[in-house]
Amino acid sequence: KLSKISDKGVNELLEKIKARFSEAWKIRDASTVL
């Protein structure tokens, strides 16, 4: 839930999320792409 943010800000935030999901998540000794 995001408040006090513009449409542009939401789209920029979404791009950051998508970029993070393009990389692997490293947990303990495991690494997985979601």
Full PDB file with SEQRES, HELIX, SHEET, SSBOND, CRYST1, ORIGX, SCALE, CONECT and MASTER records, all heavy atoms in Angstrom:
SEQRES   1 A   34  LYS LEU SER LYS ILE SER ASP LYS GLY VAL ASN GLU LEU          
SEQRES   2 A   34  LEU GLU LYS ILE LYS ALA ARG PHE SER GLU ALA TRP LYS          
SEQRES   3 A   34  ILE ARG ASP ALA SER THR VAL LEU                              
HELIX    1 AA1 ASP A    7  PHE A   21  1                                  15    
SHEET    1 AA1 2 TRP A  25  ILE A  27  0                                        
SHEET    2 AA1 2 ALA A  30  THR A  32 -1                                        
CRYST1    1.000    1.000    1.000  90.00  90.00  90.00 P 1           1          
ORIGX1      1.000000  0.000000  0.000000        0.00000                         
ORIGX2      0.000000  1.000000  0.000000        0.00000                         
ORIGX3      0.000000  0.000000  1.000000        0.00000                         
SCALE1      1.000000  0.000000  0.000000        0.00000                         
SCALE2      0.000000  1.000000  0.000000        0.00000                         
SCALE3      0.000000  0.000000  1.000000        0.00000                         
ATOM      1  N   LYS A   1       0.870  -1.173   0.000  1.00  0.00           N  
ATOM      2  CA  LYS A   1       0.000   0.000   0.000  1.00  0.00           C  
ATOM      3  C   LYS A   1       0.902   1.217   0.000  1.00  0.00           C  
ATOM      4  O   LYS A   1       1.792   1.369   0.852  1.00  0.00           O  
ATOM      5  CB  LYS A   1      -0.919  -0.022   1.219  1.00  0.00           C  
ATOM      6  CG  LYS A   1      -1.842   1.206   1.313  1.00  0.00           C  
ATOM      7  CD  LYS A   1      -1.219   2.299   2.157  1.00  0.00           C  
ATOM      8  CE  LYS A   1      -2.072   3.557   2.156  1.00  0.00           C  
ATOM      9  NZ  LYS A   1      -1.444   4.654   2.927  1.00  0.00           N  
ATOM     10  N   LEU A   2       0.706   2.101  -0.988  1.00  0.00           N  
ATOM     11  CA  LEU A   2       1.546   3.281  -1.143  1.00  0.00           C  
ATOM     12  C   LEU A   2       0.689   4.531  -1.118  1.00  0.00           C  
ATOM     13  O   LEU A   2      -0.334   4.603  -1.796  1.00  0.00           O  
ATOM     14  CB  LEU A   2       2.308   3.216  -2.472  1.00  0.00           C  
ATOM     15  CG  LEU A   2       3.161   1.962  -2.721  1.00  0.00           C  
ATOM     16  CD1 LEU A   2       3.583   1.899  -4.172  1.00  0.00           C  
ATOM     17  CD2 LEU A   2       4.354   1.958  -1.799  1.00  0.00           C  
ATOM     18  N   SER A   3       1.092   5.522  -0.345  1.00  0.00           N  
ATOM     19  CA  SER A   3       0.375   6.795  -0.308  1.00  0.00           C  
ATOM     20  C   SER A   3       1.360   7.925  -0.586  1.00  0.00           C  
ATOM     21  O   SER A   3       2.583   7.742  -0.503  1.00  0.00           O  
ATOM     22  CB  SER A   3      -0.302   7.002   1.054  1.00  0.00           C  
ATOM     23  OG  SER A   3       0.638   6.901   2.099  1.00  0.00           O  
ATOM     24  N   LYS A   4       0.814   9.084  -0.925  1.00  0.00           N  
ATOM     25  CA  LYS A   4       1.629  10.270  -1.226  1.00  0.00           C  
ATOM     26  C   LYS A   4       2.678   9.954  -2.280  1.00  0.00           C  
ATOM     27  O   LYS A   4       3.877  10.177  -2.107  1.00  0.00           O  
ATOM     28  CB  LYS A   4       2.285  10.802   0.048  1.00  0.00           C  
ATOM     29  CG  LYS A   4       1.283  11.271   1.099  1.00  0.00           C  
ATOM     30  CD  LYS A   4       1.953  11.779   2.347  1.00  0.00           C  
ATOM     31  CE  LYS A   4       0.896  12.209   3.374  1.00  0.00           C  
ATOM     32  NZ  LYS A   4       1.525  12.684   4.639  1.00  0.00           N  
ATOM     33  N   ILE A   5       2.194   9.381  -3.378  1.00  0.00           N  
ATOM     34  CA  ILE A   5       3.068   9.011  -4.489  1.00  0.00           C  
ATOM     35  C   ILE A   5       2.319   9.229  -5.797  1.00  0.00           C  
ATOM     36  O   ILE A   5       1.091   9.068  -5.862  1.00  0.00           O  
ATOM     37  CB  ILE A   5       3.534   7.535  -4.349  1.00  0.00           C  
ATOM     38  CG1 ILE A   5       4.572   7.189  -5.398  1.00  0.00           C  
ATOM     39  CG2 ILE A   5       2.345   6.585  -4.443  1.00  0.00           C  
ATOM     40  CD1 ILE A   5       5.212   5.823  -5.188  1.00  0.00           C  
ATOM     41  N   SER A   6       3.034   9.619  -6.838  1.00  0.00           N  
ATOM     42  CA  SER A   6       2.414   9.906  -8.136  1.00  0.00           C  
ATOM     43  C   SER A   6       2.362   8.654  -8.993  1.00  0.00           C  
ATOM     44  O   SER A   6       2.968   7.621  -8.673  1.00  0.00           O  
ATOM     45  CB  SER A   6       3.231  10.989  -8.864  1.00  0.00           C  
ATOM     46  OG  SER A   6       4.539  10.503  -9.134  1.00  0.00           O  
ATOM     47  N   ASP A   7       1.629   8.754 -10.116  1.00  0.00           N  
ATOM     48  CA  ASP A   7       1.587   7.638 -11.069  1.00  0.00           C  
ATOM     49  C   ASP A   7       2.994   7.291 -11.541  1.00  0.00           C  
ATOM     50  O   ASP A   7       3.352   6.114 -11.643  1.00  0.00           O  
ATOM     51  CB  ASP A   7       0.723   8.012 -12.281  1.00  0.00           C  
ATOM     52  CG  ASP A   7      -0.751   8.119 -11.928  1.00  0.00           C  
ATOM     53  OD1 ASP A   7      -1.093   7.843 -10.772  1.00  0.00           O  
ATOM     54  OD2 ASP A   7      -1.546   8.472 -12.811  1.00  0.00           O  
ATOM     55  N   LYS A   8       3.776   8.331 -11.799  1.00  0.00           N  
ATOM     56  CA  LYS A   8       5.148   8.115 -12.261  1.00  0.00           C  
ATOM     57  C   LYS A   8       5.967   7.402 -11.193  1.00  0.00           C  
ATOM     58  O   LYS A   8       6.729   6.485 -11.491  1.00  0.00           O  
ATOM     59  CB  LYS A   8       5.793   9.460 -12.607  1.00  0.00           C  
ATOM     60  CG  LYS A   8       7.216   9.332 -13.133  1.00  0.00           C  
ATOM     61  CD  LYS A   8       7.800  10.695 -13.466  1.00  0.00           C  
ATOM     62  CE  LYS A   8       9.247  10.554 -13.953  1.00  0.00           C  
ATOM     63  NZ  LYS A   8       9.854  11.884 -14.253  1.00  0.00           N  
ATOM     64  N   GLY A   9       5.762   7.816  -9.927  1.00  0.00           N  
ATOM     65  CA  GLY A   9       6.481   7.182  -8.828  1.00  0.00           C  
ATOM     66  C   GLY A   9       6.136   5.715  -8.688  1.00  0.00           C  
ATOM     67  O   GLY A   9       7.006   4.880  -8.403  1.00  0.00           O  
ATOM     68  N   VAL A  10       4.852   5.377  -8.897  1.00  0.00           N  
ATOM     69  CA  VAL A  10       4.418   3.978  -8.810  1.00  0.00           C  
ATOM     70  C   VAL A  10       5.078   3.154  -9.907  1.00  0.00           C  
ATOM     71  O   VAL A  10       5.574   2.044  -9.662  1.00  0.00           O  
ATOM     72  CB  VAL A  10       2.876   3.884  -8.914  1.00  0.00           C  
ATOM     73  CG1 VAL A  10       2.442   2.430  -9.063  1.00  0.00           C  
ATOM     74  CG2 VAL A  10       2.224   4.499  -7.696  1.00  0.00           C  
ATOM     75  N   ASN A  11       5.118   3.708 -11.121  1.00  0.00           N  
ATOM     76  CA  ASN A  11       5.734   2.981 -12.239  1.00  0.00           C  
ATOM     77  C   ASN A  11       7.235   2.790 -12.024  1.00  0.00           C  
ATOM     78  O   ASN A  11       7.788   1.726 -12.348  1.00  0.00           O  
ATOM     79  CB  ASN A  11       5.478   3.727 -13.547  1.00  0.00           C  
ATOM     80  CG  ASN A  11       4.012   3.675 -13.960  1.00  0.00           C  
ATOM     81  OD1 ASN A  11       3.321   2.699 -13.680  1.00  0.00           O  
ATOM     82  ND2 ASN A  11       3.536   4.725 -14.598  1.00  0.00           N  
ATOM     83  N   GLU A  12       7.881   3.803 -11.476  1.00  0.00           N  
ATOM     84  CA  GLU A  12       9.318   3.680 -11.197  1.00  0.00           C  
ATOM     85  C   GLU A  12       9.567   2.617 -10.137  1.00  0.00           C  
ATOM     86  O   GLU A  12      10.524   1.838 -10.230  1.00  0.00           O  
ATOM     87  CB  GLU A  12       9.870   5.033 -10.746  1.00  0.00           C  
ATOM     88  CG  GLU A  12       9.922   6.077 -11.856  1.00  0.00           C  
ATOM     89  CD  GLU A  12      10.353   7.441 -11.351  1.00  0.00           C  
ATOM     90  OE1 GLU A  12      10.458   7.606 -10.103  1.00  0.00           O  
ATOM     91  OE2 GLU A  12      10.592   8.343 -12.182  1.00  0.00           O  
ATOM     92  N   LEU A  13       8.698   2.592  -9.126  1.00  0.00           N  
ATOM     93  CA  LEU A  13       8.830   1.591  -8.067  1.00  0.00           C  
ATOM     94  C   LEU A  13       8.618   0.187  -8.621  1.00  0.00           C  
ATOM     95  O   LEU A  13       9.320  -0.754  -8.258  1.00  0.00           O  
ATOM     96  CB  LEU A  13       7.812   1.889  -6.962  1.00  0.00           C  
ATOM     97  CG  LEU A  13       8.110   1.328  -5.572  1.00  0.00           C  
ATOM     98  CD1 LEU A  13       9.388   1.924  -5.022  1.00  0.00           C  
ATOM     99  CD2 LEU A  13       6.956   1.644  -4.627  1.00  0.00           C  
ATOM    100  N   LEU A  14       7.646   0.065  -9.521  1.00  0.00           N  
ATOM    101  CA  LEU A  14       7.365  -1.231 -10.127  1.00  0.00           C  
ATOM    102  C   LEU A  14       8.563  -1.722 -10.939  1.00  0.00           C  
ATOM    103  O   LEU A  14       8.885  -2.915 -10.925  1.00  0.00           O  
ATOM    104  CB  LEU A  14       6.122  -1.134 -11.017  1.00  0.00           C  
ATOM    105  CG  LEU A  14       5.680  -2.430 -11.701  1.00  0.00           C  
ATOM    106  CD1 LEU A  14       5.367  -3.505 -10.668  1.00  0.00           C  
ATOM    107  CD2 LEU A  14       4.466  -2.178 -12.579  1.00  0.00           C  
ATOM    108  N   GLU A  15       9.234  -0.819 -11.636  1.00  0.00           N  
ATOM    109  CA  GLU A  15      10.417  -1.197 -12.416  1.00  0.00           C  
ATOM    110  C   GLU A  15      11.528  -1.711 -11.507  1.00  0.00           C  
ATOM    111  O   GLU A  15      12.256  -2.650 -11.865  1.00  0.00           O  
ATOM    112  CB  GLU A  15      10.909  -0.002 -13.247  1.00  0.00           C  
ATOM    113  CG  GLU A  15       9.987   0.372 -14.406  1.00  0.00           C  
ATOM    114  CD  GLU A  15       9.735  -0.793 -15.344  1.00  0.00           C  
ATOM    115  OE1 GLU A  15      10.704  -1.499 -15.708  1.00  0.00           O  
ATOM    116  OE2 GLU A  15       8.561  -1.018 -15.712  1.00  0.00           O  
ATOM    117  N   LYS A  16      11.657  -1.118 -10.318  1.00  0.00           N  
ATOM    118  CA  LYS A  16      12.660  -1.598  -9.357  1.00  0.00           C  
ATOM    119  C   LYS A  16      12.321  -3.018  -8.886  1.00  0.00           C  
ATOM    120  O   LYS A  16      13.207  -3.865  -8.731  1.00  0.00           O  
ATOM    121  CB  LYS A  16      12.728  -0.656  -8.154  1.00  0.00           C  
ATOM    122  CG  LYS A  16      13.319   0.715  -8.462  1.00  0.00           C  
ATOM    123  CD  LYS A  16      13.366   1.565  -7.191  1.00  0.00           C  
ATOM    124  CE  LYS A  16      13.944   2.948  -7.492  1.00  0.00           C  
ATOM    125  NZ  LYS A  16      13.976   3.790  -6.266  1.00  0.00           N  
ATOM    126  N   ILE A  17      11.032  -3.244  -8.665  1.00  0.00           N  
ATOM    127  CA  ILE A  17      10.597  -4.580  -8.228  1.00  0.00           C  
ATOM    128  C   ILE A  17      10.870  -5.607  -9.319  1.00  0.00           C  
ATOM    129  O   ILE A  17      11.402  -6.694  -9.057  1.00  0.00           O  
ATOM    130  CB  ILE A  17       9.100  -4.566  -7.859  1.00  0.00           C  
ATOM    131  CG1 ILE A  17       8.849  -3.630  -6.664  1.00  0.00           C  
ATOM    132  CG2 ILE A  17       8.602  -5.971  -7.534  1.00  0.00           C  
ATOM    133  CD1 ILE A  17       7.383  -3.404  -6.356  1.00  0.00           C  
ATOM    134  N   LYS A  18      10.524  -5.265 -10.554  1.00  0.00           N  
ATOM    135  CA  LYS A  18      10.747  -6.186 -11.669  1.00  0.00           C  
ATOM    136  C   LYS A  18      12.240  -6.464 -11.869  1.00  0.00           C  
ATOM    137  O   LYS A  18      12.642  -7.593 -12.150  1.00  0.00           O  
ATOM    138  CB  LYS A  18      10.129  -5.613 -12.947  1.00  0.00           C  
ATOM    139  CG  LYS A  18       8.611  -5.569 -12.922  1.00  0.00           C  
ATOM    140  CD  LYS A  18       8.047  -4.789 -14.106  1.00  0.00           C  
ATOM    141  CE  LYS A  18       8.315  -5.492 -15.415  1.00  0.00           C  
ATOM    142  NZ  LYS A  18       7.712  -4.750 -16.559  1.00  0.00           N  
ATOM    143  N   ALA A  19      13.047  -5.424 -11.688  1.00  0.00           N  
ATOM    144  CA  ALA A  19      14.497  -5.595 -11.829  1.00  0.00           C  
ATOM    145  C   ALA A  19      15.032  -6.545 -10.764  1.00  0.00           C  
ATOM    146  O   ALA A  19      15.900  -7.390 -11.045  1.00  0.00           O  
ATOM    147  CB  ALA A  19      15.192  -4.239 -11.732  1.00  0.00           C  
ATOM    148  N   ARG A  20      14.503  -6.413  -9.548  1.00  0.00           N  
ATOM    149  CA  ARG A  20      14.966  -7.291  -8.475  1.00  0.00           C  
ATOM    150  C   ARG A  20      14.583  -8.745  -8.745  1.00  0.00           C  
ATOM    151  O   ARG A  20      15.354  -9.670  -8.457  1.00  0.00           O  
ATOM    152  CB  ARG A  20      14.365  -6.838  -7.129  1.00  0.00           C  
ATOM    153  CG  ARG A  20      14.766  -7.725  -5.945  1.00  0.00           C  
ATOM    154  CD  ARG A  20      16.255  -7.646  -5.710  1.00  0.00           C  
ATOM    155  NE  ARG A  20      16.717  -8.570  -4.678  1.00  0.00           N  
ATOM    156  CZ  ARG A  20      17.049  -9.839  -4.881  1.00  0.00           C  
ATOM    157  NH1 ARG A  20      16.974 -10.352  -6.115  1.00  0.00           N  
ATOM    158  NH2 ARG A  20      17.472 -10.606  -3.897  1.00  0.00           N  
ATOM    159  N   PHE A  21      13.408  -8.951  -9.315  1.00  0.00           N  
ATOM    160  CA  PHE A  21      12.956 -10.318  -9.594  1.00  0.00           C  
ATOM    161  C   PHE A  21      13.673 -10.938 -10.808  1.00  0.00           C  
ATOM    162  O   PHE A  21      13.544 -12.137 -11.045  1.00  0.00           O  
ATOM    163  CB  PHE A  21      11.444 -10.363  -9.797  1.00  0.00           C  
ATOM    164  CG  PHE A  21      10.675 -10.523  -8.524  1.00  0.00           C  
ATOM    165  CD1 PHE A  21      10.286  -9.420  -7.785  1.00  0.00           C  
ATOM    166  CD2 PHE A  21      10.369 -11.778  -8.029  1.00  0.00           C  
ATOM    167  CE1 PHE A  21       9.591  -9.556  -6.593  1.00  0.00           C  
ATOM    168  CE2 PHE A  21       9.681 -11.936  -6.843  1.00  0.00           C  
ATOM    169  CZ  PHE A  21       9.291 -10.824  -6.114  1.00  0.00           C  
ATOM    170  N   SER A  22      14.391 -10.126 -11.534  1.00  0.00           N  
ATOM    171  CA  SER A  22      15.194 -10.673 -12.632  1.00  0.00           C  
ATOM    172  C   SER A  22      16.505 -11.255 -12.111  1.00  0.00           C  
ATOM    173  O   SER A  22      17.228 -11.930 -12.846  1.00  0.00           O  
ATOM    174  CB  SER A  22      15.486  -9.584 -13.669  1.00  0.00           C  
ATOM    175  OG  SER A  22      16.323  -8.574 -13.107  1.00  0.00           O  
ATOM    176  N   GLU A  23      16.797 -10.992 -10.836  1.00  0.00           N  
ATOM    177  CA  GLU A  23      18.010 -11.511 -10.208  1.00  0.00           C  
ATOM    178  C   GLU A  23      17.658 -12.645  -9.250  1.00  0.00           C  
ATOM    179  O   GLU A  23      16.502 -12.826  -8.866  1.00  0.00           O  
ATOM    180  CB  GLU A  23      18.721 -10.390  -9.438  1.00  0.00           C  
ATOM    181  CG  GLU A  23      19.108  -9.191 -10.310  1.00  0.00           C  
ATOM    182  CD  GLU A  23      19.662  -8.052  -9.467  1.00  0.00           C  
ATOM    183  OE1 GLU A  23      19.705  -8.209  -8.225  1.00  0.00           O  
ATOM    184  OE2 GLU A  23      20.040  -7.020 -10.050  1.00  0.00           O  
ATOM    185  N   ALA A  24      18.676 -13.392  -8.847  1.00  0.00           N  
ATOM    186  CA  ALA A  24      18.474 -14.517  -7.933  1.00  0.00           C  
ATOM    187  C   ALA A  24      18.309 -14.017  -6.501  1.00  0.00           C  
ATOM    188  O   ALA A  24      18.855 -12.980  -6.111  1.00  0.00           O  
ATOM    189  CB  ALA A  24      19.648 -15.477  -8.022  1.00  0.00           C  
ATOM    190  N   TRP A  25      17.528 -14.770  -5.730  1.00  0.00           N  
ATOM    191  CA  TRP A  25      17.370 -14.518  -4.304  1.00  0.00           C  
ATOM    192  C   TRP A  25      18.269 -15.512  -3.564  1.00  0.00           C  
ATOM    193  O   TRP A  25      18.099 -16.723  -3.691  1.00  0.00           O  
ATOM    194  CB  TRP A  25      15.904 -14.707  -3.889  1.00  0.00           C  
ATOM    195  CG  TRP A  25      14.983 -13.736  -4.553  1.00  0.00           C  
ATOM    196  CD1 TRP A  25      14.495 -13.822  -5.821  1.00  0.00           C  
ATOM    197  CD2 TRP A  25      14.460 -12.533  -3.992  1.00  0.00           C  
ATOM    198  NE1 TRP A  25      13.682 -12.747  -6.094  1.00  0.00           N  
ATOM    199  CE2 TRP A  25      13.647 -11.940  -4.990  1.00  0.00           C  
ATOM    200  CE3 TRP A  25      14.583 -11.908  -2.760  1.00  0.00           C  
ATOM    201  CZ2 TRP A  25      12.968 -10.740  -4.778  1.00  0.00           C  
ATOM    202  CZ3 TRP A  25      13.904 -10.713  -2.544  1.00  0.00           C  
ATOM    203  CH2 TRP A  25      13.112 -10.134  -3.550  1.00  0.00           C  
ATOM    204  N   LYS A  26      19.199 -14.994  -2.791  1.00  0.00           N  
ATOM    205  CA  LYS A  26      20.152 -15.844  -2.078  1.00  0.00           C  
ATOM    206  C   LYS A  26      19.726 -15.990  -0.626  1.00  0.00           C  
ATOM    207  O   LYS A  26      19.681 -15.009   0.116  1.00  0.00           O  
ATOM    208  CB  LYS A  26      21.557 -15.266  -2.180  1.00  0.00           C  
ATOM    209  CG  LYS A  26      22.094 -15.222  -3.598  1.00  0.00           C  
ATOM    210  CD  LYS A  26      23.501 -14.656  -3.668  1.00  0.00           C  
ATOM    211  CE  LYS A  26      24.003 -14.626  -5.103  1.00  0.00           C  
ATOM    212  NZ  LYS A  26      25.373 -14.059  -5.199  1.00  0.00           N  
ATOM    213  N   ILE A  27      19.395 -17.199  -0.242  1.00  0.00           N  
ATOM    214  CA  ILE A  27      18.946 -17.498   1.107  1.00  0.00           C  
ATOM    215  C   ILE A  27      19.777 -18.655   1.635  1.00  0.00           C  
ATOM    216  O   ILE A  27      19.789 -19.739   1.038  1.00  0.00           O  
ATOM    217  CB  ILE A  27      17.446 -17.841   1.126  1.00  0.00           C  
ATOM    218  CG1 ILE A  27      16.660 -16.632   0.651  1.00  0.00           C  
ATOM    219  CG2 ILE A  27      16.990 -18.245   2.515  1.00  0.00           C  
ATOM    220  CD1 ILE A  27      15.474 -16.928  -0.144  1.00  0.00           C  
ATOM    221  N   ARG A  28      20.503 -18.385   2.739  1.00  0.00           N  
ATOM    222  CA  ARG A  28      21.465 -19.366   3.268  1.00  0.00           C  
ATOM    223  C   ARG A  28      22.442 -19.729   2.152  1.00  0.00           C  
ATOM    224  O   ARG A  28      23.080 -18.874   1.577  1.00  0.00           O  
ATOM    225  CB  ARG A  28      20.731 -20.588   3.822  1.00  0.00           C  
ATOM    226  CG  ARG A  28      19.918 -20.292   5.088  1.00  0.00           C  
ATOM    227  CD  ARG A  28      19.214 -21.544   5.570  1.00  0.00           C  
ATOM    228  NE  ARG A  28      18.412 -21.264   6.769  1.00  0.00           N  
ATOM    229  CZ  ARG A  28      17.583 -22.125   7.318  1.00  0.00           C  
ATOM    230  NH1 ARG A  28      17.425 -23.335   6.789  1.00  0.00           N  
ATOM    231  NH2 ARG A  28      16.894 -21.802   8.406  1.00  0.00           N  
ATOM    232  N   ASP A  29      22.533 -21.003   1.845  1.00  0.00           N  
ATOM    233  CA  ASP A  29      23.468 -21.416   0.795  1.00  0.00           C  
ATOM    234  C   ASP A  29      22.769 -21.621  -0.542  1.00  0.00           C  
ATOM    235  O   ASP A  29      23.409 -22.055  -1.518  1.00  0.00           O  
ATOM    236  CB  ASP A  29      24.163 -22.724   1.203  1.00  0.00           C  
ATOM    237  CG  ASP A  29      25.005 -22.558   2.456  1.00  0.00           C  
ATOM    238  OD1 ASP A  29      25.511 -21.441   2.655  1.00  0.00           O  
ATOM    239  OD2 ASP A  29      25.109 -23.522   3.239  1.00  0.00           O  
ATOM    240  N   ALA A  30      21.478 -21.333  -0.571  1.00  0.00           N  
ATOM    241  CA  ALA A  30      20.700 -21.570  -1.801  1.00  0.00           C  
ATOM    242  C   ALA A  30      20.504 -20.277  -2.575  1.00  0.00           C  
ATOM    243  O   ALA A  30      20.537 -19.179  -2.021  1.00  0.00           O  
ATOM    244  CB  ALA A  30      19.353 -22.179  -1.459  1.00  0.00           C  
ATOM    245  N   SER A  31      20.306 -20.422  -3.863  1.00  0.00           N  
ATOM    246  CA  SER A  31      20.054 -19.287  -4.740  1.00  0.00           C  
ATOM    247  C   SER A  31      18.966 -19.688  -5.730  1.00  0.00           C  
ATOM    248  O   SER A  31      19.072 -20.723  -6.392  1.00  0.00           O  
ATOM    249  CB  SER A  31      21.336 -18.913  -5.483  1.00  0.00           C  
ATOM    250  OG  SER A  31      21.099 -17.844  -6.365  1.00  0.00           O  
ATOM    251  N   THR A  32      17.925 -18.867  -5.818  1.00  0.00           N  
ATOM    252  CA  THR A  32      16.809 -19.212  -6.708  1.00  0.00           C  
ATOM    253  C   THR A  32      16.247 -17.965  -7.367  1.00  0.00           C  
ATOM    254  O   THR A  32      16.257 -16.867  -6.781  1.00  0.00           O  
ATOM    255  CB  THR A  32      15.684 -19.922  -5.925  1.00  0.00           C  
ATOM    256  OG1 THR A  32      14.631 -20.286  -6.813  1.00  0.00           O  
ATOM    257  CG2 THR A  32      15.115 -19.019  -4.842  1.00  0.00           C  
ATOM    258  N   VAL A  33      15.799 -18.121  -8.585  1.00  0.00           N  
ATOM    259  CA  VAL A  33      15.147 -17.032  -9.316  1.00  0.00           C  
ATOM    260  C   VAL A  33      13.647 -17.242  -9.232  1.00  0.00           C  
ATOM    261  O   VAL A  33      13.154 -18.347  -9.506  1.00  0.00           O  
ATOM    262  CB  VAL A  33      15.600 -16.993 -10.790  1.00  0.00           C  
ATOM    263  CG1 VAL A  33      14.829 -15.914 -11.549  1.00  0.00           C  
ATOM    264  CG2 VAL A  33      17.098 -16.739 -10.880  1.00  0.00           C  
ATOM    265  N   LEU A  34      12.911 -16.208  -8.851  1.00  0.00           N  
ATOM    266  CA  LEU A  34      11.454 -16.296  -8.695  1.00  0.00           C  
ATOM    267  C   LEU A  34      10.758 -15.596  -9.853  1.00  0.00           C  
ATOM    268  O   LEU A  34      11.210 -14.546 -10.320  1.00  0.00           O  
ATOM    269  CB  LEU A  34      11.020 -15.644  -7.379  1.00  0.00           C  
ATOM    270  CG  LEU A  34      11.632 -16.207  -6.091  1.00  0.00           C  
ATOM    271  CD1 LEU A  34      11.185 -15.372  -4.896  1.00  0.00           C  
ATOM    272  CD2 LEU A  34      11.240 -17.656  -5.897  1.00  0.00           C  
TER     273      LEU A  34                                                      
MASTER        0    0    0    1    2    0    0    6  272    1    0    3          
END                                                                             
